[in-house]
Amino acid sequence: MAYLAVASGEADLAIAMGVEKMSTGQATPALAKALDAEKEVAVGANLISKNAELMQLYIEKYQMPPDGLVNFAVNAHNNAIANENALFRKPITAETVTQSRLVYPPIRLLDCSPICDGAAAVVLAPTDEARAFTSTPIHILASSVATDHFRIEDRKDPLMLAGARLSALRAARRANINRSDVSFFEVHDAFSIMACLLLESTGYARRGEGWRLAAEGRIGLTGEIPIATMGGLKARGHPIGATALYQTCEIVLQLTEQAGANQIANPKIGLLQSVGGAASTVLTHIFGN
């Protein structure tokens, strides 16, 4: 909305700010409001159980090995070590992930992003005035939002995140870029299975093979499509209302080559996706330097 306000000329400047305090109270019931109150929440569903359903469907359809997703968490934790704003600045191993406790089978504790507090803000200015505020402005090349059926059960193909696919396609058309132009992808890895499905739904992996990108080390800082470059939701933290703004700040750090030990080589375009609910709403933003 801040982007639209500035781009339309209705606002000279805009600040998009997000803040969340999850360390007090019960987060799970609050987050369950992203689900159908009558048909899902009423029978005990929450975002963990819905992502577990997606993971189980994926395992059954594609015969993914039990440890297929572990490197999503391993990669995120490795990248968080050098991020002073990350919640978990410690490495983990594949064995640590597979031995973490089951939360809702087949999802384990280390398949999930943590509950945490956080805040972030982004200032937007018209392109032709941006250098008055900074010598290294970052351009929003495109922004898009798309929706899917609210309930997973109502979707024709639950393992194809239609909202993610459509919003990414719209944004790419507006920016006139190909997915191969993207230097890195700050994916919404609230759960390892969600990161996997987003990579497939945006075309970075064939259906049923998104997990291989992680298993084969192709999502690391020097990989084919770096993700979670500063720790992602999994290790940097997932303070719901602030998360996409954290991702934006980290994309700015990468594109202005201020990411320190986490800097990827010669980045030109950063891709961000932010997911609402069980991917019922997905926003895509494309940034360039």
Protein backbone atom coordinates (compact mmCIF):
# COMPACT_ATOMS: atom_id res chain seq x y z
CA MET A 1 0.00 0.00 0.00
CA ALA A 2 2.92 2.34 0.70
CA TYR A 3 4.30 1.55 -2.75
CA LEU A 4 0.95 2.37 -4.38
CA ALA A 5 0.60 5.59 -2.39
CA VAL A 6 3.98 6.90 -3.53
CA ALA A 7 3.80 5.56 -7.09
CA SER A 8 0.39 7.17 -7.62
CA GLY A 9 1.62 10.55 -6.39
CA GLU A 10 -0.83 10.65 -3.49
CA ALA A 11 2.08 10.63 -1.01
CA ASP A 12 5.49 12.29 -1.29
CA LEU A 13 7.01 9.77 1.11
CA ALA A 14 5.66 6.72 2.91
CA ILE A 15 6.84 4.51 5.74
CA ALA A 16 5.80 0.88 5.92
CA MET A 17 6.26 -0.41 9.45
CA GLY A 18 5.61 -3.77 11.06
CA VAL A 19 5.80 -4.78 14.70
CA GLU A 20 4.88 -7.93 16.60
CA LYS A 21 5.20 -9.01 20.23
CA MET A 22 4.71 -12.76 20.51
CA SER A 23 6.68 -13.52 23.66
CA THR A 24 3.67 -12.97 25.92
CA GLY A 25 0.31 -14.68 25.59
CA GLN A 26 -0.54 -17.63 23.34
CA ALA A 27 0.54 -17.20 19.73
CA THR A 28 -0.98 -20.34 18.21
CA PRO A 29 -4.66 -19.41 18.77
CA ALA A 30 -4.01 -15.91 17.42
CA LEU A 31 -2.30 -17.25 14.30
CA ALA A 32 -5.17 -19.68 13.77
CA LYS A 33 -7.30 -16.67 12.82
CA ALA A 34 -5.69 -17.04 9.39
CA LEU A 35 -7.77 -20.21 8.95
CA ASP A 36 -11.48 -20.90 8.48
CA ALA A 37 -13.11 -20.29 11.87
CA GLU A 38 -16.02 -22.65 11.26
CA LYS A 39 -14.51 -25.53 9.30
CA GLU A 40 -10.87 -25.57 10.45
CA VAL A 41 -10.34 -23.80 13.78
CA ALA A 42 -13.51 -25.32 15.21
CA VAL A 43 -12.03 -28.81 14.83
CA GLY A 44 -8.64 -27.87 16.30
CA ALA A 45 -6.68 -26.93 13.19
CA ASN A 46 -3.81 -24.44 13.33
CA LEU A 47 -1.06 -23.36 10.94
CA ILE A 48 1.25 -26.11 12.17
CA SER A 49 -1.31 -28.83 11.49
CA LYS A 50 -2.19 -27.43 8.06
CA ASN A 51 1.47 -27.31 7.01
CA ALA A 52 1.86 -30.84 8.37
CA GLU A 53 -0.97 -31.90 6.07
CA LEU A 54 0.82 -30.35 3.11
CA MET A 55 4.05 -32.10 4.09
CA GLN A 56 2.30 -35.47 4.40
CA LEU A 57 0.65 -35.01 1.01
CA TYR A 58 4.03 -34.15 -0.49
CA ILE A 59 5.72 -37.23 1.01
CA GLU A 60 2.95 -39.51 -0.23
CA LYS A 61 2.83 -38.05 -3.75
CA TYR A 62 6.53 -37.64 -4.46
CA GLN A 63 8.09 -40.28 -2.18
CA MET A 64 10.48 -37.75 -0.65
CA PRO A 65 12.92 -39.35 1.82
CA PRO A 66 12.29 -38.65 5.53
CA ASP A 67 15.26 -36.26 5.73
CA GLY A 68 14.48 -34.53 2.42
CA LEU A 69 13.73 -31.10 3.91
CA VAL A 70 16.38 -30.90 6.64
CA ASN A 71 18.82 -28.69 4.71
CA PHE A 72 16.31 -25.83 4.57
CA ALA A 73 16.77 -25.44 8.34
CA VAL A 74 20.53 -26.15 8.21
CA ASN A 75 21.05 -23.47 5.53
CA ALA A 76 18.98 -20.89 7.43
CA HIS A 77 20.88 -21.44 10.68
CA ASN A 78 24.25 -21.28 8.92
CA ASN A 79 23.29 -17.92 7.41
CA ALA A 80 21.98 -16.54 10.71
CA ILE A 81 25.31 -16.91 12.50
CA ALA A 82 26.67 -13.61 11.16
CA ASN A 83 23.36 -11.72 11.49
CA GLU A 84 23.34 -9.76 14.75
CA ASN A 85 19.55 -9.39 14.51
CA ALA A 86 18.94 -13.13 14.24
CA LEU A 87 17.26 -15.03 17.05
CA PHE A 88 19.23 -18.26 16.53
CA ARG A 89 22.88 -17.53 15.82
CA LYS A 90 24.02 -21.13 16.06
CA PRO A 91 24.59 -23.85 13.47
CA ILE A 92 22.59 -27.07 13.41
CA THR A 93 23.16 -30.37 11.63
CA ALA A 94 20.86 -32.57 9.59
CA GLU A 95 20.92 -35.04 12.48
CA THR A 96 19.79 -32.31 14.90
CA VAL A 97 16.78 -31.61 12.70
CA THR A 98 15.78 -35.25 12.27
CA GLN A 99 16.11 -35.89 16.01
CA SER A 100 14.13 -32.83 17.11
CA ARG A 101 10.75 -33.66 18.63
CA LEU A 102 7.68 -34.24 16.54
CA VAL A 103 5.29 -31.30 16.89
CA TYR A 104 2.56 -32.50 14.55
CA PRO A 105 3.65 -35.49 12.44
CA PRO A 106 5.49 -35.37 10.14
CA ILE A 107 6.58 -31.81 11.13
CA ARG A 108 9.36 -31.61 13.72
CA LEU A 109 10.32 -28.68 15.91
CA LEU A 110 13.22 -27.64 13.68
CA ASP A 111 10.97 -27.64 10.61
CA CYS A 112 9.23 -24.61 12.13
CA SER A 113 10.12 -20.94 12.50
CA PRO A 114 10.12 -19.62 16.09
CA ILE A 115 7.78 -17.39 18.03
CA CYS A 116 9.55 -14.07 18.63
CA ASP A 117 9.28 -10.30 18.94
CA GLY A 118 10.47 -7.91 16.25
CA ALA A 119 9.99 -4.67 14.37
CA ALA A 120 11.19 -3.23 11.07
CA ALA A 121 10.43 -0.26 8.84
CA VAL A 122 11.04 0.80 5.24
CA VAL A 123 10.97 4.33 3.79
CA LEU A 124 9.67 4.75 0.24
CA ALA A 125 10.25 7.76 -2.01
CA PRO A 126 9.60 8.49 -5.71
CA THR A 127 12.34 7.07 -7.92
CA ASP A 128 13.35 10.47 -9.30
CA GLU A 129 13.82 11.84 -5.77
CA ALA A 130 15.30 8.83 -3.99
CA ARG A 131 18.94 9.93 -4.28
CA ALA A 132 18.12 12.98 -2.17
CA PHE A 133 17.71 10.58 0.76
CA THR A 134 20.42 8.00 0.09
CA SER A 135 23.32 7.48 -2.28
CA THR A 136 22.31 3.86 -2.79
CA PRO A 137 18.56 3.76 -3.46
CA ILE A 138 16.95 0.41 -4.12
CA HIS A 139 14.16 0.26 -6.66
CA ILE A 140 10.89 -1.62 -6.24
CA LEU A 141 10.63 -3.03 -9.75
CA ALA A 142 7.21 -4.60 -9.16
CA SER A 143 4.77 -5.62 -6.46
CA SER A 144 1.85 -8.00 -6.73
CA VAL A 145 -0.61 -9.88 -4.56
CA ALA A 146 -2.73 -12.92 -5.38
CA THR A 147 -5.04 -15.22 -3.49
CA ASP A 148 -5.97 -18.90 -3.48
CA HIS A 149 -8.91 -20.80 -2.03
CA PHE A 150 -8.92 -20.07 1.69
CA ARG A 151 -9.02 -23.72 2.75
CA ILE A 152 -6.46 -26.24 1.54
CA GLU A 153 -9.26 -28.80 1.12
CA ASP A 154 -10.97 -26.58 -1.45
CA ARG A 155 -7.93 -26.33 -3.71
CA LYS A 156 -7.75 -28.41 -6.86
CA ASP A 157 -4.04 -29.05 -6.32
CA PRO A 158 -2.95 -28.25 -2.74
CA LEU A 159 0.73 -28.75 -3.55
CA MET A 160 0.71 -26.03 -6.21
CA LEU A 161 0.46 -22.72 -4.35
CA ALA A 162 -1.65 -20.83 -6.87
CA GLY A 163 -1.34 -17.51 -5.02
CA ALA A 164 2.45 -17.73 -5.06
CA ARG A 165 2.58 -18.73 -8.71
CA LEU A 166 0.19 -16.02 -9.87
CA SER A 167 1.66 -13.16 -7.83
CA ALA A 168 5.19 -14.08 -8.95
CA LEU A 169 4.11 -14.21 -12.59
CA ARG A 170 2.34 -10.85 -12.39
CA ALA A 171 5.33 -9.21 -10.71
CA ALA A 172 7.79 -10.68 -13.22
CA ARG A 173 5.71 -9.36 -16.12
CA ARG A 174 5.53 -5.88 -14.60
CA ALA A 175 9.28 -5.84 -13.96
CA ASN A 176 9.97 -7.51 -17.33
CA ILE A 177 12.34 -10.03 -15.80
CA ASN A 178 12.86 -13.76 -16.06
CA ARG A 179 13.34 -15.94 -12.99
CA SER A 180 16.92 -16.51 -14.16
CA ASP A 181 17.57 -12.79 -13.64
CA VAL A 182 16.94 -13.11 -9.89
CA SER A 183 20.11 -13.12 -7.79
CA PHE A 184 18.51 -14.39 -4.57
CA PHE A 185 15.08 -15.22 -3.13
CA GLU A 186 13.99 -14.28 0.39
CA VAL A 187 11.44 -17.05 0.67
CA HIS A 188 8.76 -17.32 3.36
CA ASP A 189 10.25 -20.33 5.18
CA ALA A 190 7.85 -20.34 8.13
CA PHE A 191 7.93 -24.13 7.66
CA SER A 192 10.43 -26.13 5.61
CA ILE A 193 7.63 -27.55 3.47
CA MET A 194 6.42 -24.03 2.65
CA ALA A 195 9.89 -23.03 1.41
CA CYS A 196 9.96 -26.14 -0.76
CA LEU A 197 6.50 -25.49 -2.23
CA LEU A 198 7.27 -21.82 -2.91
CA LEU A 199 10.38 -22.75 -4.88
CA GLU A 200 8.31 -25.14 -6.97
CA SER A 201 5.34 -22.81 -7.39
CA THR A 202 7.57 -19.96 -8.63
CA GLY A 203 9.33 -22.24 -11.10
CA TYR A 204 12.73 -22.67 -9.46
CA ALA A 205 12.23 -26.41 -9.23
CA ARG A 206 10.09 -29.01 -10.94
CA ARG A 207 7.10 -30.36 -9.09
CA GLY A 208 8.26 -32.80 -6.44
CA GLU A 209 11.89 -31.70 -6.66
CA GLY A 210 12.03 -28.51 -4.59
CA TRP A 211 13.56 -30.41 -1.68
CA ARG A 212 16.49 -31.40 -3.91
CA LEU A 213 17.58 -27.75 -4.14
CA ALA A 214 18.23 -27.86 -0.40
CA ALA A 215 19.54 -31.42 -0.25
CA GLU A 216 22.08 -30.69 -2.99
CA GLY A 217 23.28 -27.39 -1.48
CA ARG A 218 21.87 -25.23 -4.27
CA ILE A 219 20.16 -22.73 -1.91
CA GLY A 220 23.34 -21.60 -0.12
CA LEU A 221 24.98 -18.18 -0.45
CA THR A 222 27.02 -19.39 -3.45
CA GLY A 223 24.31 -21.67 -4.79
CA GLU A 224 22.02 -21.63 -7.79
CA ILE A 225 19.24 -19.73 -5.99
CA PRO A 226 20.33 -18.43 -2.56
CA ILE A 227 17.46 -18.24 -0.05
CA ALA A 228 17.19 -17.08 3.57
CA THR A 229 20.49 -15.26 3.09
CA MET A 230 20.38 -13.66 6.56
CA GLY A 231 18.77 -16.61 8.34
CA GLY A 232 15.24 -16.45 7.00
CA LEU A 233 12.12 -16.84 9.10
CA LYS A 234 13.52 -20.10 10.45
CA ALA A 235 16.62 -18.72 12.18
CA ARG A 236 16.43 -14.93 12.00
CA GLY A 237 12.89 -15.18 13.39
CA HIS A 238 9.29 -14.76 12.29
CA PRO A 239 7.61 -11.84 14.11
CA ILE A 240 4.52 -12.06 11.91
CA GLY A 241 3.69 -8.39 11.27
CA ALA A 242 7.33 -7.40 10.83
CA THR A 243 8.62 -10.35 8.83
CA ALA A 244 8.23 -9.10 5.25
CA LEU A 245 9.77 -5.78 6.29
CA TYR A 246 12.73 -7.61 7.83
CA GLN A 247 13.07 -9.45 4.52
CA THR A 248 13.00 -6.13 2.65
CA CYS A 249 15.69 -4.63 4.89
CA GLU A 250 17.87 -7.68 4.31
CA ILE A 251 17.35 -7.46 0.55
CA VAL A 252 18.49 -3.82 0.71
CA LEU A 253 21.62 -4.91 2.58
CA GLN A 254 22.38 -7.49 -0.10
CA LEU A 255 21.73 -5.19 -3.05
CA THR A 256 23.84 -2.40 -1.54
CA GLU A 257 26.56 -4.93 -0.66
CA GLN A 258 26.34 -4.29 3.07
CA ALA A 259 25.51 -7.87 4.07
CA GLY A 260 28.97 -8.57 5.49
CA ALA A 261 29.80 -12.25 5.86
CA ASN A 262 26.47 -13.11 4.25
CA GLN A 263 27.07 -11.06 1.11
CA ILE A 264 26.30 -12.86 -2.13
CA ALA A 265 28.40 -12.06 -5.19
CA ASN A 266 27.30 -9.22 -7.48
CA PRO A 267 23.56 -9.22 -6.70
CA LYS A 268 21.31 -7.40 -9.16
CA ILE A 269 17.74 -8.43 -8.37
CA GLY A 270 16.17 -9.66 -5.15
CA LEU A 271 12.85 -11.52 -4.92
CA LEU A 272 10.62 -11.52 -1.84
CA GLN A 273 7.48 -13.53 -1.13
CA SER A 274 5.35 -13.13 1.97
CA VAL A 275 2.66 -15.67 2.77
CA GLY A 276 -0.61 -15.18 4.61
CA GLY A 277 -2.30 -18.18 6.22
CA ALA A 278 -1.68 -21.51 4.49
CA ALA A 279 -0.69 -19.60 1.33
CA SER A 280 -4.21 -18.24 0.90
CA THR A 281 -2.68 -14.81 0.22
CA VAL A 282 0.80 -14.30 -1.22
CA LEU A 283 2.60 -11.03 -1.94
CA THR A 284 5.55 -10.82 -4.29
CA HIS A 285 7.99 -7.91 -4.45
CA ILE A 286 10.91 -7.59 -6.85
CA PHE A 287 13.79 -5.24 -5.99
CA GLY A 288 16.68 -4.01 -8.12
CA ASN A 289 19.82 -1.95 -7.49
